[in-house]
């Protein structure tokens, strides 16, 4: 997977108005975001523990506002990162991403383009 694949995921996200509009709300709880994606909130917890926490630069950006503490609410950037994981795992057949280790590998290769400031630029371009 390359940056081109990441750009494809971002384009897919931008074209899915239901998902892209979800970043406009201030805060949603993990339960609300999990319900929106069609999962139980424990799935989001596992993604945070088994994927995001394995990539120090993304972990730092993910918990930036909370000084490494897990808040009860997700801001737009956190939902964005979880939505990317959701899309990557949802496209496992087409993209070849079958497990968390492959998602971690993909995100490690593309972490520079997935930081909080890049999210803000992406959001403004919508």
C-alpha atoms as a PDB file:
ATOM      1  CA  UNK A   1       0.000   0.000   0.000  1.00  0.00           C
ATOM      2  CA  UNK A   2       1.282   3.412  -0.911  1.00  0.00           C
ATOM      3  CA  UNK A   3       0.402   7.055  -0.525  1.00  0.00           C
ATOM      4  CA  UNK A   4      -1.785   6.666  -3.607  1.00  0.00           C
ATOM      5  CA  UNK A   5      -3.820   4.118  -1.685  1.00  0.00           C
ATOM      6  CA  UNK A   6      -4.110   6.568   1.216  1.00  0.00           C
ATOM      7  CA  UNK A   7      -5.329   9.261  -1.166  1.00  0.00           C
ATOM      8  CA  UNK A   8      -7.926   6.811  -2.479  1.00  0.00           C
ATOM      9  CA  UNK A   9      -9.134   6.199   1.082  1.00  0.00           C
ATOM     10  CA  UNK A  10      -9.351   9.962   1.734  1.00  0.00           C
ATOM     11  CA  UNK A  11     -11.268  10.510  -1.507  1.00  0.00           C
ATOM     12  CA  UNK A  12     -13.652   7.686  -0.576  1.00  0.00           C
ATOM     13  CA  UNK A  13     -14.136   9.298   2.819  1.00  0.00           C
ATOM     14  CA  UNK A  14     -14.779  12.725   1.323  1.00  0.00           C
ATOM     15  CA  UNK A  15     -17.325  11.283  -1.115  1.00  0.00           C
ATOM     16  CA  UNK A  16     -19.197   9.483   1.656  1.00  0.00           C
ATOM     17  CA  UNK A  17     -21.150  12.483   2.938  1.00  0.00           C
ATOM     18  CA  UNK A  18     -22.444  10.590   5.941  1.00  0.00           C
ATOM     19  CA  UNK A  19     -18.891   9.993   7.188  1.00  0.00           C
ATOM     20  CA  UNK A  20     -17.380  13.332   6.116  1.00  0.00           C
ATOM     21  CA  UNK A  21     -20.200  15.291   7.770  1.00  0.00           C
ATOM     22  CA  UNK A  22     -19.556  13.417  11.013  1.00  0.00           C
ATOM     23  CA  UNK A  23     -16.330  15.376  11.507  1.00  0.00           C
ATOM     24  CA  UNK A  24     -18.231  18.647  11.785  1.00  0.00           C
ATOM     25  CA  UNK A  25     -19.660  17.883  15.239  1.00  0.00           C
ATOM     26  CA  UNK A  26     -17.563  18.982  18.175  1.00  0.00           C
ATOM     27  CA  UNK A  27     -17.448  15.798  20.214  1.00  0.00           C
ATOM     28  CA  UNK A  28     -19.065  12.396  20.075  1.00  0.00           C
ATOM     29  CA  UNK A  29     -18.741   9.652  22.635  1.00  0.00           C
ATOM     30  CA  UNK A  30     -17.090   6.395  21.651  1.00  0.00           C
ATOM     31  CA  UNK A  31     -20.467   4.710  21.920  1.00  0.00           C
ATOM     32  CA  UNK A  32     -22.053   7.233  19.531  1.00  0.00           C
ATOM     33  CA  UNK A  33     -19.202   6.913  17.012  1.00  0.00           C
ATOM     34  CA  UNK A  34     -19.166   3.109  17.248  1.00  0.00           C
ATOM     35  CA  UNK A  35     -22.931   3.020  16.689  1.00  0.00           C
ATOM     36  CA  UNK A  36     -22.500   5.326  13.705  1.00  0.00           C
ATOM     37  CA  UNK A  37     -19.919   2.958  12.186  1.00  0.00           C
ATOM     38  CA  UNK A  38     -22.010  -0.086  13.075  1.00  0.00           C
ATOM     39  CA  UNK A  39     -19.728  -1.559  15.745  1.00  0.00           C
ATOM     40  CA  UNK A  40     -19.655  -2.016  19.495  1.00  0.00           C
ATOM     41  CA  UNK A  41     -17.499   0.546  21.291  1.00  0.00           C
ATOM     42  CA  UNK A  42     -15.100  -2.193  22.385  1.00  0.00           C
ATOM     43  CA  UNK A  43     -14.049  -2.458  18.729  1.00  0.00           C
ATOM     44  CA  UNK A  44     -12.925   1.175  18.838  1.00  0.00           C
ATOM     45  CA  UNK A  45     -11.074   0.490  22.077  1.00  0.00           C
ATOM     46  CA  UNK A  46      -9.280  -2.444  20.424  1.00  0.00           C
ATOM     47  CA  UNK A  47      -8.321  -0.263  17.449  1.00  0.00           C
ATOM     48  CA  UNK A  48      -6.914   2.347  19.836  1.00  0.00           C
ATOM     49  CA  UNK A  49      -4.947  -0.292  21.757  1.00  0.00           C
ATOM     50  CA  UNK A  50      -3.881  -2.597  18.931  1.00  0.00           C
ATOM     51  CA  UNK A  51      -3.406  -0.134  16.071  1.00  0.00           C
ATOM     52  CA  UNK A  52      -3.081   3.527  17.087  1.00  0.00           C
ATOM     53  CA  UNK A  53      -0.963   2.842  20.173  1.00  0.00           C
ATOM     54  CA  UNK A  54       1.524   0.894  18.030  1.00  0.00           C
ATOM     55  CA  UNK A  55       2.393   4.036  16.018  1.00  0.00           C
ATOM     56  CA  UNK A  56       3.965   6.614  18.386  1.00  0.00           C
ATOM     57  CA  UNK A  57       3.545   9.699  16.120  1.00  0.00           C
ATOM     58  CA  UNK A  58      -0.142   8.916  15.549  1.00  0.00           C
ATOM     59  CA  UNK A  59      -0.657   8.052  19.197  1.00  0.00           C
ATOM     60  CA  UNK A  60       0.822  11.424  20.122  1.00  0.00           C
ATOM     61  CA  UNK A  61      -1.488  13.257  17.693  1.00  0.00           C
ATOM     62  CA  UNK A  62      -4.478  11.133  18.700  1.00  0.00           C
ATOM     63  CA  UNK A  63      -4.151  11.943  22.405  1.00  0.00           C
ATOM     64  CA  UNK A  64      -2.728  15.460  21.887  1.00  0.00           C
ATOM     65  CA  UNK A  65      -5.579  17.341  23.523  1.00  0.00           C
ATOM     66  CA  UNK A  66      -5.731  14.973  26.460  1.00  0.00           C
ATOM     67  CA  UNK A  67      -2.023  14.588  27.302  1.00  0.00           C
ATOM     68  CA  UNK A  68      -2.088  10.852  26.647  1.00  0.00           C
ATOM     69  CA  UNK A  69      -5.254  10.352  28.666  1.00  0.00           C
ATOM     70  CA  UNK A  70      -8.196   8.649  27.043  1.00  0.00           C
ATOM     71  CA  UNK A  71     -11.174  11.013  27.079  1.00  0.00           C
ATOM     72  CA  UNK A  72     -14.809   9.896  27.094  1.00  0.00           C
ATOM     73  CA  UNK A  73     -15.354  11.898  23.896  1.00  0.00           C
ATOM     74  CA  UNK A  74     -13.728  11.782  20.484  1.00  0.00           C
ATOM     75  CA  UNK A  75     -12.876  14.973  18.645  1.00  0.00           C
ATOM     76  CA  UNK A  76     -12.990  15.269  14.851  1.00  0.00           C
ATOM     77  CA  UNK A  77      -9.393  14.141  14.344  1.00  0.00           C
ATOM     78  CA  UNK A  78      -9.849  11.034  16.484  1.00  0.00           C
ATOM     79  CA  UNK A  79     -13.005  10.113  14.574  1.00  0.00           C
ATOM     80  CA  UNK A  80     -11.111  10.747  11.310  1.00  0.00           C
ATOM     81  CA  UNK A  81      -8.337   8.327  12.248  1.00  0.00           C
ATOM     82  CA  UNK A  82     -10.832   5.695  13.390  1.00  0.00           C
ATOM     83  CA  UNK A  83     -12.797   6.184  10.147  1.00  0.00           C
ATOM     84  CA  UNK A  84      -9.636   5.541   8.131  1.00  0.00           C
ATOM     85  CA  UNK A  85      -9.108   2.305  10.050  1.00  0.00           C
ATOM     86  CA  UNK A  86     -12.766   1.443   9.474  1.00  0.00           C
ATOM     87  CA  UNK A  87     -12.408   2.034   5.729  1.00  0.00           C
ATOM     88  CA  UNK A  88      -9.146   0.106   5.522  1.00  0.00           C
ATOM     89  CA  UNK A  89     -10.593  -2.875   7.347  1.00  0.00           C
ATOM     90  CA  UNK A  90     -13.825  -2.637   5.363  1.00  0.00           C
ATOM     91  CA  UNK A  91     -11.885  -2.834   2.127  1.00  0.00           C
ATOM     92  CA  UNK A  92      -9.829  -5.809   3.244  1.00  0.00           C
ATOM     93  CA  UNK A  93     -10.730  -7.937   0.237  1.00  0.00           C
ATOM     94  CA  UNK A  94      -9.935  -5.256  -2.361  1.00  0.00           C
ATOM     95  CA  UNK A  95      -6.934  -3.681  -0.629  1.00  0.00           C
ATOM     96  CA  UNK A  96      -5.401  -6.754   0.964  1.00  0.00           C
ATOM     97  CA  UNK A  97      -5.669  -5.461   4.536  1.00  0.00           C
ATOM     98  CA  UNK A  98      -6.840  -8.419   6.545  1.00  0.00           C
ATOM     99  CA  UNK A  99      -5.626  -7.829  10.061  1.00  0.00           C
ATOM    100  CA  UNK A 100      -4.497  -5.166  12.498  1.00  0.00           C
ATOM    101  CA  UNK A 101      -0.806  -5.764  11.758  1.00  0.00           C
ATOM    102  CA  UNK A 102      -1.363  -4.856   8.110  1.00  0.00           C
ATOM    103  CA  UNK A 103      -3.311  -1.736   9.089  1.00  0.00           C
ATOM    104  CA  UNK A 104      -0.469  -0.729  11.440  1.00  0.00           C
ATOM    105  CA  UNK A 105       2.048  -1.237   8.639  1.00  0.00           C
ATOM    106  CA  UNK A 106      -0.032   0.892   6.257  1.00  0.00           C
ATOM    107  CA  UNK A 107      -0.491   3.679   8.814  1.00  0.00           C
ATOM    108  CA  UNK A 108       3.213   3.660   9.717  1.00  0.00           C
ATOM    109  CA  UNK A 109       4.059   4.202   6.057  1.00  0.00           C
ATOM    110  CA  UNK A 110       1.605   7.093   5.814  1.00  0.00           C
ATOM    111  CA  UNK A 111       1.702   8.634   9.294  1.00  0.00           C
ATOM    112  CA  UNK A 112       3.124  11.960   8.079  1.00  0.00           C
ATOM    113  CA  UNK A 113      -0.062  12.503   6.087  1.00  0.00           C
ATOM    114  CA  UNK A 114      -2.353  11.501   8.950  1.00  0.00           C
ATOM    115  CA  UNK A 115      -1.360  13.919  11.670  1.00  0.00           C
ATOM    116  CA  UNK A 116      -3.755  16.398  13.243  1.00  0.00           C
ATOM    117  CA  UNK A 117      -2.572  19.343  11.108  1.00  0.00           C
ATOM    118  CA  UNK A 118      -3.088  17.287   7.928  1.00  0.00           C
ATOM    119  CA  UNK A 119      -6.600  16.471   9.117  1.00  0.00           C
ATOM    120  CA  UNK A 120      -7.330  20.177   9.548  1.00  0.00           C
ATOM    121  CA  UNK A 121      -6.164  20.846   5.979  1.00  0.00           C
ATOM    122  CA  UNK A 122      -8.270  17.951   4.690  1.00  0.00           C
ATOM    123  CA  UNK A 123     -11.310  19.197   6.599  1.00  0.00           C
ATOM    124  CA  UNK A 124     -10.921  22.732   5.216  1.00  0.00           C
ATOM    125  CA  UNK A 125     -10.746  21.375   1.673  1.00  0.00           C
ATOM    126  CA  UNK A 126     -14.197  19.812   1.999  1.00  0.00           C
END
